Protein backbone atom coordinates (compact mmCIF):
# COMPACT_ATOMS: atom_id res chain seq x y z
CA UNK A 1 -11.44 -9.19 2.95
CA UNK A 2 -10.05 -12.49 2.21
CA UNK A 3 -6.44 -13.29 1.82
CA UNK A 4 -5.19 -13.65 -1.66
CA UNK A 5 -1.81 -14.85 -2.92
CA UNK A 6 -0.38 -13.68 -6.04
CA UNK A 7 3.16 -15.02 -6.84
CA UNK A 8 5.12 -12.08 -9.21
CA UNK A 9 7.48 -14.31 -11.14
CA UNK A 10 10.35 -12.11 -11.98
CA UNK A 11 13.46 -13.81 -11.31
CA UNK A 12 14.98 -12.35 -14.36
CA UNK A 13 13.78 -9.06 -13.86
CA UNK A 14 14.98 -7.99 -10.71
CA UNK A 15 17.92 -5.50 -10.87
CA UNK A 16 20.39 -5.72 -7.67
CA UNK A 17 21.60 -2.46 -6.67
CA UNK A 18 23.99 -0.94 -4.13
CA UNK A 19 21.65 1.66 -3.40
CA UNK A 20 20.91 3.62 -0.30
CA UNK A 21 19.38 2.27 2.79
CA UNK A 22 15.67 2.51 2.80
CA UNK A 23 14.19 4.15 5.75
CA UNK A 24 13.34 1.65 8.43
CA UNK A 25 9.99 2.98 10.20
CA UNK A 26 8.99 1.72 13.64
CA UNK A 27 6.07 0.01 14.43
CA UNK A 28 3.94 2.12 17.10
CA UNK A 29 0.80 -0.21 17.56
CA UNK A 30 -2.42 0.04 19.72
CA UNK A 31 -2.53 2.73 22.22
CA UNK A 32 -3.42 1.39 25.80
CA UNK A 33 -5.67 4.54 26.11
CA UNK A 34 -9.33 4.81 25.59
CA UNK A 35 -10.94 4.48 21.85
CA UNK A 36 -14.32 5.96 21.44
CA UNK A 37 -17.14 4.46 19.38
CA UNK A 38 -17.96 6.04 16.08
CA UNK A 39 -21.42 7.09 17.29
CA UNK A 40 -19.75 9.21 20.35
CA UNK A 41 -20.26 12.93 19.95
CA UNK A 42 -16.17 13.12 20.30
CA UNK A 43 -15.52 10.97 17.70
CA UNK A 44 -18.29 12.26 15.41
CA UNK A 45 -16.37 15.97 16.12
CA UNK A 46 -12.76 13.97 14.97
CA UNK A 47 -14.01 12.51 11.78
CA UNK A 48 -15.54 15.81 10.82
CA UNK A 49 -12.15 17.51 11.32
CA UNK A 50 -10.64 15.06 9.42
CA UNK A 51 -13.11 14.99 6.45
CA UNK A 52 -12.79 18.48 6.17
CA UNK A 53 -9.34 18.51 5.43
CA UNK A 54 -8.93 15.64 2.92
CA UNK A 55 -8.24 16.30 -0.73
CA UNK A 56 -10.18 15.38 -3.80
CA UNK A 57 -8.61 12.25 -5.06
CA UNK A 58 -8.86 13.05 -8.96
CA UNK A 59 -7.54 10.44 -11.52
CA UNK A 60 -3.77 10.41 -12.21
CA UNK A 61 -1.07 8.81 -13.64
CA UNK A 62 2.49 8.72 -12.46
CA UNK A 63 5.83 6.65 -13.00
CA UNK A 64 7.64 5.40 -9.96
CA UNK A 65 10.93 3.67 -8.67
CA UNK A 66 10.49 0.84 -6.24
CA UNK A 67 13.48 -0.53 -3.90
CA UNK A 68 12.78 -3.53 -2.15
CA UNK A 69 15.13 -4.45 0.78
CA UNK A 70 15.30 -7.87 2.21
CA UNK A 71 16.59 -9.06 5.54
CA UNK A 72 16.22 -13.13 5.64
CA UNK A 73 18.10 -15.08 5.19
CA UNK A 74 20.76 -11.82 4.21
CA UNK A 75 20.36 -8.47 3.80
CA UNK A 76 19.84 -7.36 0.43
CA UNK A 77 18.57 -4.52 -1.82
CA UNK A 78 16.99 -4.70 -5.24
CA UNK A 79 15.02 -2.28 -7.67
CA UNK A 80 12.71 -1.98 -10.39
CA UNK A 81 10.76 1.06 -12.27
CA UNK A 82 7.16 1.09 -13.06
CA UNK A 83 3.96 3.25 -13.91
CA UNK A 84 0.87 3.53 -11.77
CA UNK A 85 -2.60 4.78 -13.34
CA UNK A 86 -5.85 5.59 -11.03
CA UNK A 87 -9.30 6.40 -12.38
CA UNK A 88 -11.21 8.05 -9.65
CA UNK A 89 -14.82 6.93 -11.50
CA UNK A 90 -14.17 3.30 -11.18
CA UNK A 91 -11.89 3.38 -8.27
CA UNK A 92 -9.53 0.95 -10.66
CA UNK A 93 -5.58 1.31 -10.17
CA UNK A 94 -3.36 -0.72 -12.68
CA UNK A 95 0.45 -1.04 -12.00
CA UNK A 96 3.05 -1.72 -14.70
CA UNK A 97 6.24 -3.40 -13.40
CA UNK A 98 9.52 -2.88 -15.17
CA UNK A 99 12.99 -3.96 -14.88
CA UNK A 100 15.26 -0.75 -14.13
CA UNK A 101 17.76 -1.52 -16.72
CA UNK A 102 16.00 -2.27 -20.28
CA UNK A 103 12.44 -0.53 -19.03
CA UNK A 104 10.60 -3.29 -20.45
CA UNK A 105 7.35 -4.39 -18.80
CA UNK A 106 7.11 -7.77 -17.18
CA UNK A 107 4.08 -7.89 -15.18
CA UNK A 108 0.70 -6.04 -15.02
CA UNK A 109 -1.48 -5.41 -12.07
CA UNK A 110 -5.28 -4.29 -11.96
CA UNK A 111 -7.15 -3.77 -8.97
CA UNK A 112 -10.38 -2.48 -7.59
CA UNK A 113 -11.51 -2.49 -3.92
CA UNK A 114 -12.63 -6.42 -4.27
CA UNK A 115 -10.29 -7.75 -6.40
CA UNK A 116 -6.50 -7.80 -7.88
CA UNK A 117 -5.78 -9.25 -11.52
CA UNK A 118 -2.07 -10.06 -12.62
CA UNK A 119 -0.76 -10.81 -16.00
CA UNK A 120 2.99 -11.45 -16.61
CA UNK A 121 3.40 -9.99 -20.35
CA UNK A 122 4.89 -13.14 -20.92
CA UNK A 123 1.59 -15.34 -20.94
CA UNK A 124 -2.07 -14.87 -21.81
CA UNK A 125 -2.97 -16.25 -18.34
CA UNK A 126 -4.94 -13.67 -16.25
CA UNK A 127 -5.11 -14.39 -12.52
CA UNK A 128 -8.15 -12.84 -10.93
CA UNK A 129 -8.14 -12.79 -6.96
CA UNK A 130 -9.86 -11.34 -3.79
CA UNK A 131 -8.01 -7.96 -2.72
CA UNK A 132 -5.62 -9.26 -0.47
CA UNK A 133 -1.61 -10.05 -0.06
CA UNK A 134 1.05 -10.00 -3.06
CA UNK A 135 3.71 -12.64 -2.57
CA UNK A 136 7.03 -11.30 -4.01
CA UNK A 137 9.89 -14.12 -4.34
CA UNK A 138 13.52 -13.04 -3.87
CA UNK A 139 15.24 -14.14 -6.76
CA UNK A 140 18.43 -14.96 -4.92
CA UNK A 141 16.88 -16.89 -1.99
CA UNK A 142 13.47 -18.08 -3.59
CA UNK A 143 12.20 -16.77 -0.25
CA UNK A 144 8.39 -15.39 -0.71
CA UNK A 145 7.38 -12.24 1.20
CA UNK A 146 3.84 -11.19 2.16
CA UNK A 147 3.02 -7.73 0.82
CA UNK A 148 -0.41 -6.35 2.21
CA UNK A 149 -1.45 -4.82 -1.16
CA UNK A 150 -4.61 -3.17 0.51
CA UNK A 151 -2.53 -0.68 2.33
CA UNK A 152 -0.59 0.38 -0.67
CA UNK A 153 -4.21 0.70 -2.81
CA UNK A 154 -5.82 2.87 0.22
CA UNK A 155 -3.20 5.39 -0.04
CA UNK A 156 -3.08 6.08 -3.75
CA UNK A 157 -6.72 5.88 -4.27
CA UNK A 158 -7.84 7.73 -0.78
CA UNK A 159 -10.10 4.71 -0.25
CA UNK A 160 -9.12 5.10 3.37
CA UNK A 161 -11.80 7.83 3.35
CA UNK A 162 -14.81 5.33 3.16
CA UNK A 163 -12.65 3.08 5.67
CA UNK A 164 -12.42 5.66 8.42
CA UNK A 165 -16.63 6.55 8.31
CA UNK A 166 -17.38 2.59 8.91
CA UNK A 167 -19.83 2.77 11.75
CA UNK A 168 -17.46 -0.17 13.46
CA UNK A 169 -14.63 1.96 13.54
CA UNK A 170 -13.18 3.54 16.75
CA UNK A 171 -11.31 6.63 17.55
CA UNK A 172 -8.32 7.49 19.63
CA UNK A 173 -8.89 11.27 20.10
CA UNK A 174 -5.73 12.60 21.68
CA UNK A 175 -3.46 11.12 18.71
CA UNK A 176 -6.01 11.68 15.95
CA UNK A 177 -6.56 7.45 15.22
CA UNK A 178 -9.00 5.62 13.82
CA UNK A 179 -9.07 2.04 14.56
CA UNK A 180 -11.12 -0.62 12.21
CA UNK A 181 -11.33 -4.32 13.03
CA UNK A 182 -11.73 -6.45 9.54
CA UNK A 183 -12.20 -10.16 9.27
CA UNK A 184 -8.14 -10.31 8.19
CA UNK A 185 -6.70 -7.87 11.09
CA UNK A 186 -6.65 -4.38 12.65
CA UNK A 187 -6.24 -1.60 10.44
CA UNK A 188 -5.31 1.87 12.43
CA UNK A 189 -5.14 5.03 10.72
CA UNK A 190 -2.85 8.29 11.65
CA UNK A 191 -3.42 11.29 10.78
CA UNK A 192 -1.37 14.74 11.28
CA UNK A 193 -2.88 17.87 10.47
CA UNK A 194 -6.04 16.11 8.66
CA UNK A 195 -3.90 14.06 6.59
CA UNK A 196 -3.20 10.31 6.70
CA UNK A 197 0.29 9.96 7.95
CA UNK A 198 0.61 6.35 8.32
CA UNK A 199 -1.24 2.87 8.31
CA UNK A 200 -0.73 0.18 10.44
CA UNK A 201 -2.00 -3.28 10.12
CA UNK A 202 -1.61 -5.95 12.61
CA UNK A 203 -3.07 -9.70 11.42
CA UNK A 204 -2.53 -12.68 13.45
CA UNK A 205 -4.62 -14.48 11.00
CA UNK A 206 -1.95 -13.70 8.26
CA UNK A 207 1.03 -13.68 10.94
CA UNK A 208 2.24 -10.06 10.17
CA UNK A 209 2.53 -6.57 11.18
CA UNK A 210 2.66 -3.93 8.44
CA UNK A 211 3.55 -0.34 8.38
CA UNK A 212 2.91 2.10 5.45
CA UNK A 213 4.13 5.51 6.09
CA UNK A 214 3.35 8.25 3.50
CA UNK A 215 5.53 11.29 2.25
CA UNK A 216 3.69 14.30 0.53
CA UNK A 217 4.36 17.77 -0.28
CA UNK A 218 2.37 20.98 0.74
CA UNK A 219 1.23 21.39 -2.69
CA UNK A 220 0.24 17.80 -3.39
CA UNK A 221 -1.20 15.31 -1.12
CA UNK A 222 -2.48 13.44 -3.85
CA UNK A 223 -1.05 11.33 -5.38
CA UNK A 224 1.72 10.88 -2.43
CA UNK A 225 5.34 11.72 -2.93
CA UNK A 226 6.50 8.47 -1.40
CA UNK A 227 5.28 5.37 0.11
CA UNK A 228 7.75 3.23 2.46
CA UNK A 229 5.88 -0.24 3.60
CA UNK A 230 7.66 -2.40 6.08
CA UNK A 231 6.19 -6.00 6.95
CA UNK A 232 7.30 -7.59 10.02
CA UNK A 233 6.87 -11.37 11.37
CA UNK A 234 4.28 -11.55 14.33
CA UNK A 235 6.48 -14.66 15.49
CA UNK A 236 10.16 -13.48 15.36
CA UNK A 237 9.18 -9.71 15.62
CA UNK A 238 11.68 -9.33 12.89
CA UNK A 239 11.67 -7.36 9.49
CA UNK A 240 10.95 -9.35 6.61
CA UNK A 241 11.00 -6.52 3.75
CA UNK A 242 10.76 -3.02 3.38
CA UNK A 243 9.47 -1.57 -0.01
CA UNK A 244 9.91 1.83 -0.78
CA UNK A 245 7.71 3.63 -3.69
CA UNK A 246 8.68 7.00 -4.99
CA UNK A 247 6.45 8.62 -7.45
CA UNK A 248 7.51 10.88 -10.13
CA UNK A 249 6.34 12.90 -12.87
CA UNK A 250 2.62 12.72 -11.70
CA UNK A 251 -0.15 13.85 -13.70
CA UNK A 252 -3.82 14.78 -12.46
CA UNK A 253 -5.69 13.13 -15.50
CA UNK A 254 -8.34 10.56 -16.35
CA UNK A 255 -6.58 7.60 -18.30
CA UNK A 256 -8.25 6.01 -21.13
CA UNK A 257 -10.96 3.50 -20.64
CA UNK A 258 -8.74 1.02 -22.35
CA UNK A 259 -5.80 1.65 -19.92
CA UNK A 260 -7.54 -0.97 -17.55
CA UNK A 261 -7.49 -3.85 -19.73
CA UNK A 262 -4.77 -6.24 -20.45
């Protein structure tokens, strides 16, 4: 997967807020214990157990609220709203970002497993780039933060189910972890009672570590209730940004085909 850079020019659409603190998850990192190859019997047993408990990742649409907490050069909170649509058949996801005050759409994003398209509503220009990072610019400091979009995409679409079945995956049997090394870094999937609980990424190439932590309801595994993503710089080991996405009013329905067009 090649790194892609998408600049979300939202300087006039972020609304500063004095909201509650966003949860700050810790990065666990790779276990020092032994990881087993996918072809080993113990690994096959763990994979079979995990797959037997996976939900059916149906098409859906949902509204969401997002809080972004930045740390450099100073701590600050901003918020926005949006809508998300997912098609099970095409594996496409569409995200509409809106300002929290007026509810106006200012950016639309369409993604599939290989690419991301983005279009600000103020222009006709559409950027098409490989699946990768999204660069979000802080409206106050102008500092840009890399957000690994694949970890959010995998949660919302259930794409991680395919990832953990990769023959190159390695299994930590004691903690129900699955480790997969990709060209852009190491992805590790943590399972709890058969459901994906967190996803961690360590990427020397991209100079970052990322954590994506999910919260669900027993009656609603998909789409998740909440996703918290934290990005850490490898050089400083300090937080760059934490993004908390809370889904609400989710409906299991197939969006019309024209949803995935600008």
